[in-house]
Amino acid sequence: IVEKVNEYISNMKTFFLLESLDNLMKA
C-alpha cells in the first residue's frame, strides 16, 4: 500500500481557481 500510494501521489496533480485575491494580498 505504501509503495502504490507513493506512486499515486507522485503522479497526482492539484489545481485551483480563485474568485477572490483578498487572502493572497492579506497574507
PDB file of all heavy atoms in Angstrom:
ATOM      1  N   ILE A   1       0.840  -1.200   0.000  1.00  0.00           N
ATOM      2  CA  ILE A   1       0.000   0.000   0.000  1.00  0.00           C
ATOM      3  C   ILE A   1       0.875   1.250   0.000  1.00  0.00           C
ATOM      4  O   ILE A   1       0.632   2.194  -0.760  1.00  0.00           O
ATOM      5  CB  ILE A   1      -0.965  -0.001   1.208  1.00  0.00           C
ATOM      6  CG1 ILE A   1      -2.021  -1.099   1.039  1.00  0.00           C
ATOM      7  CG2 ILE A   1      -1.645   1.367   1.358  1.00  0.00           C
ATOM      8  CD1 ILE A   1      -2.915  -1.291   2.245  1.00  0.00           C
ATOM      9  N   VAL A   2       1.898   1.271   0.827  1.00  0.00           N
ATOM     10  CA  VAL A   2       2.813   2.412   0.885  1.00  0.00           C
ATOM     11  C   VAL A   2       3.449   2.668  -0.474  1.00  0.00           C
ATOM     12  O   VAL A   2       3.490   3.800  -0.966  1.00  0.00           O
ATOM     13  CB  VAL A   2       3.901   2.191   1.963  1.00  0.00           C
ATOM     14  CG1 VAL A   2       4.994   3.257   1.855  1.00  0.00           C
ATOM     15  CG2 VAL A   2       3.289   2.188   3.350  1.00  0.00           C
ATOM     16  N   GLU A   3       3.926   1.598  -1.105  1.00  0.00           N
ATOM     17  CA  GLU A   3       4.588   1.732  -2.399  1.00  0.00           C
ATOM     18  C   GLU A   3       3.640   2.281  -3.461  1.00  0.00           C
ATOM     19  O   GLU A   3       3.973   3.220  -4.207  1.00  0.00           O
ATOM     20  CB  GLU A   3       5.132   0.377  -2.847  1.00  0.00           C
ATOM     21  CG  GLU A   3       5.829   0.406  -4.206  1.00  0.00           C
ATOM     22  CD  GLU A   3       6.299  -0.965  -4.668  1.00  0.00           C
ATOM     23  OE1 GLU A   3       6.048  -1.965  -3.951  1.00  0.00           O
ATOM     24  OE2 GLU A   3       6.909  -1.042  -5.755  1.00  0.00           O
ATOM     25  N   LYS A   4       2.444   1.715  -3.531  1.00  0.00           N
ATOM     26  CA  LYS A   4       1.496   2.117  -4.573  1.00  0.00           C
ATOM     27  C   LYS A   4       0.933   3.520  -4.320  1.00  0.00           C
ATOM     28  O   LYS A   4       0.696   4.284  -5.273  1.00  0.00           O
ATOM     29  CB  LYS A   4       0.365   1.089  -4.669  1.00  0.00           C
ATOM     30  CG  LYS A   4       0.816  -0.236  -5.281  1.00  0.00           C
ATOM     31  CD  LYS A   4      -0.332  -1.206  -5.465  1.00  0.00           C
ATOM     32  CE  LYS A   4       0.127  -2.481  -6.149  1.00  0.00           C
ATOM     33  NZ  LYS A   4       0.614  -2.224  -7.545  1.00  0.00           N
ATOM     34  N   VAL A   5       0.738   3.866  -3.066  1.00  0.00           N
ATOM     35  CA  VAL A   5       0.218   5.202  -2.763  1.00  0.00           C
ATOM     36  C   VAL A   5       1.281   6.266  -3.014  1.00  0.00           C
ATOM     37  O   VAL A   5       0.973   7.359  -3.509  1.00  0.00           O
ATOM     38  CB  VAL A   5      -0.315   5.263  -1.318  1.00  0.00           C
ATOM     39  CG1 VAL A   5      -0.681   6.705  -0.931  1.00  0.00           C
ATOM     40  CG2 VAL A   5      -1.543   4.370  -1.175  1.00  0.00           C
ATOM     41  N   ASN A   6       2.526   5.975  -2.711  1.00  0.00           N
ATOM     42  CA  ASN A   6       3.599   6.923  -3.033  1.00  0.00           C
ATOM     43  C   ASN A   6       3.671   7.179  -4.537  1.00  0.00           C
ATOM     44  O   ASN A   6       3.883   8.311  -4.975  1.00  0.00           O
ATOM     45  CB  ASN A   6       4.946   6.402  -2.523  1.00  0.00           C
ATOM     46  CG  ASN A   6       5.151   6.675  -1.048  1.00  0.00           C
ATOM     47  OD1 ASN A   6       4.614   7.640  -0.504  1.00  0.00           O
ATOM     48  ND2 ASN A   6       5.930   5.833  -0.387  1.00  0.00           N
ATOM     49  N   GLU A   7       3.482   6.127  -5.319  1.00  0.00           N
ATOM     50  CA  GLU A   7       3.468   6.284  -6.772  1.00  0.00           C
ATOM     51  C   GLU A   7       2.274   7.135  -7.200  1.00  0.00           C
ATOM     52  O   GLU A   7       2.388   8.001  -8.075  1.00  0.00           O
ATOM     53  CB  GLU A   7       3.410   4.910  -7.442  1.00  0.00           C
ATOM     54  CG  GLU A   7       3.405   4.971  -8.962  1.00  0.00           C
ATOM     55  CD  GLU A   7       3.291   3.597  -9.605  1.00  0.00           C
ATOM     56  OE1 GLU A   7       3.233   2.591  -8.874  1.00  0.00           O
ATOM     57  OE2 GLU A   7       3.273   3.534 -10.845  1.00  0.00           O
ATOM     58  N   TYR A   8       1.127   6.893  -6.567  1.00  0.00           N
ATOM     59  CA  TYR A   8      -0.086   7.654  -6.866  1.00  0.00           C
ATOM     60  C   TYR A   8       0.130   9.144  -6.570  1.00  0.00           C
ATOM     61  O   TYR A   8      -0.220  10.015  -7.375  1.00  0.00           O
ATOM     62  CB  TYR A   8      -1.237   7.102  -6.023  1.00  0.00           C
ATOM     63  CG  TYR A   8      -2.574   7.757  -6.257  1.00  0.00           C
ATOM     64  CD1 TYR A   8      -3.368   7.387  -7.333  1.00  0.00           C
ATOM     65  CD2 TYR A   8      -3.051   8.735  -5.385  1.00  0.00           C
ATOM     66  CE1 TYR A   8      -4.604   7.986  -7.546  1.00  0.00           C
ATOM     67  CE2 TYR A   8      -4.284   9.343  -5.596  1.00  0.00           C
ATOM     68  CZ  TYR A   8      -5.057   8.954  -6.669  1.00  0.00           C
ATOM     69  OH  TYR A   8      -6.270   9.548  -6.887  1.00  0.00           O
ATOM     70  N   ILE A   9       0.732   9.439  -5.423  1.00  0.00           N
ATOM     71  CA  ILE A   9       0.991  10.833  -5.037  1.00  0.00           C
ATOM     72  C   ILE A   9       1.925  11.511  -6.033  1.00  0.00           C
ATOM     73  O   ILE A   9       1.723  12.671  -6.412  1.00  0.00           O
ATOM     74  CB  ILE A   9       1.587  10.894  -3.615  1.00  0.00           C
ATOM     75  CG1 ILE A   9       0.533  10.469  -2.579  1.00  0.00           C
ATOM     76  CG2 ILE A   9       2.097  12.295  -3.289  1.00  0.00           C
ATOM     77  CD1 ILE A   9       1.091  10.290  -1.171  1.00  0.00           C
ATOM     78  N   SER A  10       2.939  10.781  -6.474  1.00  0.00           N
ATOM     79  CA  SER A  10       3.915  11.368  -7.402  1.00  0.00           C
ATOM     80  C   SER A  10       3.297  11.722  -8.752  1.00  0.00           C
ATOM     81  O   SER A  10       3.794  12.601  -9.466  1.00  0.00           O
ATOM     82  CB  SER A  10       5.100  10.416  -7.601  1.00  0.00           C
ATOM     83  OG  SER A  10       4.707   9.259  -8.326  1.00  0.00           O
ATOM     84  N   ASN A  11       2.199  11.051  -9.099  1.00  0.00           N
ATOM     85  CA  ASN A  11       1.542  11.298 -10.387  1.00  0.00           C
ATOM     86  C   ASN A  11       0.333  12.234 -10.275  1.00  0.00           C
ATOM     87  O   ASN A  11      -0.231  12.642 -11.297  1.00  0.00           O
ATOM     88  CB  ASN A  11       1.080   9.976 -11.002  1.00  0.00           C
ATOM     89  CG  ASN A  11       2.243   9.125 -11.476  1.00  0.00           C
ATOM     90  OD1 ASN A  11       3.213   9.645 -12.019  1.00  0.00           O
ATOM     91  ND2 ASN A  11       2.166   7.820 -11.265  1.00  0.00           N
ATOM     92  N   MET A  12      -0.063  12.565  -9.056  1.00  0.00           N
ATOM     93  CA  MET A  12      -1.259  13.388  -8.861  1.00  0.00           C
ATOM     94  C   MET A  12      -0.954  14.858  -9.122  1.00  0.00           C
ATOM     95  O   MET A  12       0.124  15.351  -8.800  1.00  0.00           O
ATOM     96  CB  MET A  12      -1.793  13.215  -7.429  1.00  0.00           C
ATOM     97  CG  MET A  12      -3.146  13.872  -7.205  1.00  0.00           C
ATOM     98  SD  MET A  12      -3.816  13.500  -5.561  1.00  0.00           S
ATOM     99  CE  MET A  12      -2.659  14.419  -4.543  1.00  0.00           C
ATOM    100  N   LYS A  13      -1.919  15.558  -9.694  1.00  0.00           N
ATOM    101  CA  LYS A  13      -1.786  16.996  -9.938  1.00  0.00           C
ATOM    102  C   LYS A  13      -2.922  17.728  -9.234  1.00  0.00           C
ATOM    103  O   LYS A  13      -4.047  17.230  -9.181  1.00  0.00           O
ATOM    104  CB  LYS A  13      -1.806  17.291 -11.437  1.00  0.00           C
ATOM    105  CG  LYS A  13      -0.646  16.648 -12.201  1.00  0.00           C
ATOM    106  CD  LYS A  13      -0.665  17.004 -13.666  1.00  0.00           C
ATOM    107  CE  LYS A  13       0.436  16.284 -14.429  1.00  0.00           C
ATOM    108  NZ  LYS A  13       1.784  16.647 -13.963  1.00  0.00           N
ATOM    109  N   THR A  14      -2.603  18.898  -8.708  1.00  0.00           N
ATOM    110  CA  THR A  14      -3.585  19.699  -7.990  1.00  0.00           C
ATOM    111  C   THR A  14      -3.616  21.107  -8.564  1.00  0.00           C
ATOM    112  O   THR A  14      -2.568  21.722  -8.778  1.00  0.00           O
ATOM    113  CB  THR A  14      -3.239  19.778  -6.488  1.00  0.00           C
ATOM    114  OG1 THR A  14      -3.073  18.462  -5.959  1.00  0.00           O
ATOM    115  CG2 THR A  14      -4.345  20.486  -5.712  1.00  0.00           C
ATOM    116  N   PHE A  15      -4.824  21.617  -8.819  1.00  0.00           N
ATOM    117  CA  PHE A  15      -5.000  22.972  -9.331  1.00  0.00           C
ATOM    118  C   PHE A  15      -6.141  23.649  -8.587  1.00  0.00           C
ATOM    119  O   PHE A  15      -7.030  22.985  -8.048  1.00  0.00           O
ATOM    120  CB  PHE A  15      -5.340  22.957 -10.827  1.00  0.00           C
ATOM    121  CG  PHE A  15      -4.279  22.343 -11.693  1.00  0.00           C
ATOM    122  CD1 PHE A  15      -4.375  21.007 -12.078  1.00  0.00           C
ATOM    123  CD2 PHE A  15      -3.192  23.083 -12.119  1.00  0.00           C
ATOM    124  CE1 PHE A  15      -3.396  20.427 -12.875  1.00  0.00           C
ATOM    125  CE2 PHE A  15      -2.214  22.516 -12.908  1.00  0.00           C
ATOM    126  CZ  PHE A  15      -2.308  21.189 -13.292  1.00  0.00           C
ATOM    127  N   PHE A  16      -6.125  24.981  -8.566  1.00  0.00           N
ATOM    128  CA  PHE A  16      -7.284  25.676  -8.021  1.00  0.00           C
ATOM    129  C   PHE A  16      -7.489  27.022  -8.699  1.00  0.00           C
ATOM    130  O   PHE A  16      -6.548  27.659  -9.174  1.00  0.00           O
ATOM    131  CB  PHE A  16      -7.209  25.812  -6.494  1.00  0.00           C
ATOM    132  CG  PHE A  16      -5.955  26.439  -5.952  1.00  0.00           C
ATOM    133  CD1 PHE A  16      -5.932  27.764  -5.531  1.00  0.00           C
ATOM    134  CD2 PHE A  16      -4.796  25.684  -5.806  1.00  0.00           C
ATOM    135  CE1 PHE A  16      -4.789  28.330  -5.007  1.00  0.00           C
ATOM    136  CE2 PHE A  16      -3.647  26.242  -5.263  1.00  0.00           C
ATOM    137  CZ  PHE A  16      -3.639  27.583  -4.870  1.00  0.00           C
ATOM    138  N   LEU A  17      -8.749  27.406  -8.779  1.00  0.00           N
ATOM    139  CA  LEU A  17      -9.162  28.659  -9.394  1.00  0.00           C
ATOM    140  C   LEU A  17      -9.792  29.532  -8.313  1.00  0.00           C
ATOM    141  O   LEU A  17     -10.729  29.106  -7.638  1.00  0.00           O
ATOM    142  CB  LEU A  17     -10.171  28.382 -10.512  1.00  0.00           C
ATOM    143  CG  LEU A  17     -10.794  29.602 -11.194  1.00  0.00           C
ATOM    144  CD1 LEU A  17      -9.733  30.451 -11.881  1.00  0.00           C
ATOM    145  CD2 LEU A  17     -11.858  29.158 -12.204  1.00  0.00           C
ATOM    146  N   LEU A  18      -9.251  30.748  -8.168  1.00  0.00           N
ATOM    147  CA  LEU A  18      -9.707  31.640  -7.105  1.00  0.00           C
ATOM    148  C   LEU A  18     -10.664  32.691  -7.644  1.00  0.00           C
ATOM    149  O   LEU A  18     -10.422  33.292  -8.689  1.00  0.00           O
ATOM    150  CB  LEU A  18      -8.516  32.329  -6.442  1.00  0.00           C
ATOM    151  CG  LEU A  18      -7.464  31.419  -5.799  1.00  0.00           C
ATOM    152  CD1 LEU A  18      -6.367  32.268  -5.170  1.00  0.00           C
ATOM    153  CD2 LEU A  18      -8.088  30.490  -4.782  1.00  0.00           C
ATOM    154  N   GLU A  19     -11.726  32.915  -6.904  1.00  0.00           N
ATOM    155  CA  GLU A  19     -12.648  34.003  -7.203  1.00  0.00           C
ATOM    156  C   GLU A  19     -12.121  35.312  -6.613  1.00  0.00           C
ATOM    157  O   GLU A  19     -12.234  36.378  -7.214  1.00  0.00           O
ATOM    158  CB  GLU A  19     -14.030  33.686  -6.625  1.00  0.00           C
ATOM    159  CG  GLU A  19     -15.022  34.836  -6.618  1.00  0.00           C
ATOM    160  CD  GLU A  19     -15.487  35.226  -8.010  1.00  0.00           C
ATOM    161  OE1 GLU A  19     -15.408  34.387  -8.921  1.00  0.00           O
ATOM    162  OE2 GLU A  19     -15.916  36.377  -8.184  1.00  0.00           O
ATOM    163  N   SER A  20     -11.540  35.218  -5.414  1.00  0.00           N
ATOM    164  CA  SER A  20     -11.085  36.411  -4.697  1.00  0.00           C
ATOM    165  C   SER A  20      -9.580  36.346  -4.431  1.00  0.00           C
ATOM    166  O   SER A  20      -9.036  35.287  -4.124  1.00  0.00           O
ATOM    167  CB  SER A  20     -11.833  36.536  -3.366  1.00  0.00           C
ATOM    168  OG  SER A  20     -11.264  37.536  -2.552  1.00  0.00           O
ATOM    169  N   LEU A  21      -8.919  37.490  -4.536  1.00  0.00           N
ATOM    170  CA  LEU A  21      -7.488  37.594  -4.235  1.00  0.00           C
ATOM    171  C   LEU A  21      -7.232  38.147  -2.837  1.00  0.00           C
ATOM    172  O   LEU A  21      -6.087  38.365  -2.453  1.00  0.00           O
ATOM    173  CB  LEU A  21      -6.814  38.513  -5.270  1.00  0.00           C
ATOM    174  CG  LEU A  21      -6.886  38.065  -6.728  1.00  0.00           C
ATOM    175  CD1 LEU A  21      -6.316  39.156  -7.628  1.00  0.00           C
ATOM    176  CD2 LEU A  21      -6.139  36.765  -6.936  1.00  0.00           C
ATOM    177  N   ASP A  22      -8.293  38.378  -2.063  1.00  0.00           N
ATOM    178  CA  ASP A  22      -8.168  39.054  -0.770  1.00  0.00           C
ATOM    179  C   ASP A  22      -7.159  38.381   0.157  1.00  0.00           C
ATOM    180  O   ASP A  22      -6.284  39.034   0.726  1.00  0.00           O
ATOM    181  CB  ASP A  22      -9.532  39.121  -0.067  1.00  0.00           C
ATOM    182  CG  ASP A  22     -10.455  40.144  -0.711  1.00  0.00           C
ATOM    183  OD1 ASP A  22      -9.966  40.921  -1.567  1.00  0.00           O
ATOM    184  OD2 ASP A  22     -11.643  40.170  -0.377  1.00  0.00           O
ATOM    185  N   ASN A  23      -7.300  37.062   0.332  1.00  0.00           N
ATOM    186  CA  ASN A  23      -6.414  36.383   1.280  1.00  0.00           C
ATOM    187  C   ASN A  23      -4.972  36.357   0.811  1.00  0.00           C
ATOM    188  O   ASN A  23      -4.038  36.391   1.622  1.00  0.00           O
ATOM    189  CB  ASN A  23      -6.917  34.956   1.547  1.00  0.00           C
ATOM    190  CG  ASN A  23      -8.078  34.941   2.515  1.00  0.00           C
ATOM    191  OD1 ASN A  23      -8.450  35.970   3.069  1.00  0.00           O
ATOM    192  ND2 ASN A  23      -8.673  33.781   2.720  1.00  0.00           N
ATOM    193  N   LEU A  24      -4.747  36.272  -0.516  1.00  0.00           N
ATOM    194  CA  LEU A  24      -3.386  36.315  -1.034  1.00  0.00           C
ATOM    195  C   LEU A  24      -2.738  37.656  -0.723  1.00  0.00           C
ATOM    196  O   LEU A  24      -1.562  37.734  -0.376  1.00  0.00           O
ATOM    197  CB  LEU A  24      -3.379  36.062  -2.544  1.00  0.00           C
ATOM    198  CG  LEU A  24      -3.708  34.649  -3.021  1.00  0.00           C
ATOM    199  CD1 LEU A  24      -3.686  34.598  -4.544  1.00  0.00           C
ATOM    200  CD2 LEU A  24      -2.736  33.630  -2.465  1.00  0.00           C
ATOM    201  N   MET A  25      -3.528  38.743  -0.834  1.00  0.00           N
ATOM    202  CA  MET A  25      -2.996  40.071  -0.530  1.00  0.00           C
ATOM    203  C   MET A  25      -2.761  40.240   0.968  1.00  0.00           C
ATOM    204  O   MET A  25      -1.713  40.729   1.392  1.00  0.00           O
ATOM    205  CB  MET A  25      -3.954  41.151  -1.041  1.00  0.00           C
ATOM    206  CG  MET A  25      -3.961  41.307  -2.555  1.00  0.00           C
ATOM    207  SD  MET A  25      -4.882  42.762  -3.106  1.00  0.00           S
ATOM    208  CE  MET A  25      -6.575  42.209  -2.827  1.00  0.00           C
ATOM    209  N   LYS A  26      -3.715  39.783   1.774  1.00  0.00           N
ATOM    210  CA  LYS A  26      -3.573  39.911   3.223  1.00  0.00           C
ATOM    211  C   LYS A  26      -2.386  39.124   3.751  1.00  0.00           C
ATOM    212  O   LYS A  26      -1.709  39.533   4.696  1.00  0.00           O
ATOM    213  CB  LYS A  26      -4.861  39.435   3.922  1.00  0.00           C
ATOM    214  CG  LYS A  26      -6.061  40.347   3.723  1.00  0.00           C
ATOM    215  CD  LYS A  26      -7.295  39.740   4.361  1.00  0.00           C
ATOM    216  CE  LYS A  26      -8.539  40.561   4.108  1.00  0.00           C
ATOM    217  NZ  LYS A  26      -9.754  39.915   4.679  1.00  0.00           N
ATOM    218  N   ALA A  27      -2.130  37.974   3.133  1.00  0.00           N
ATOM    219  CA  ALA A  27      -1.041  37.110   3.585  1.00  0.00           C
ATOM    220  C   ALA A  27       0.316  37.547   3.030  1.00  0.00           C
ATOM    221  O   ALA A  27       1.348  36.981   3.392  1.00  0.00           O
ATOM    222  CB  ALA A  27      -1.316  35.664   3.185  1.00  0.00           C
TER     223      ALA A  27
END
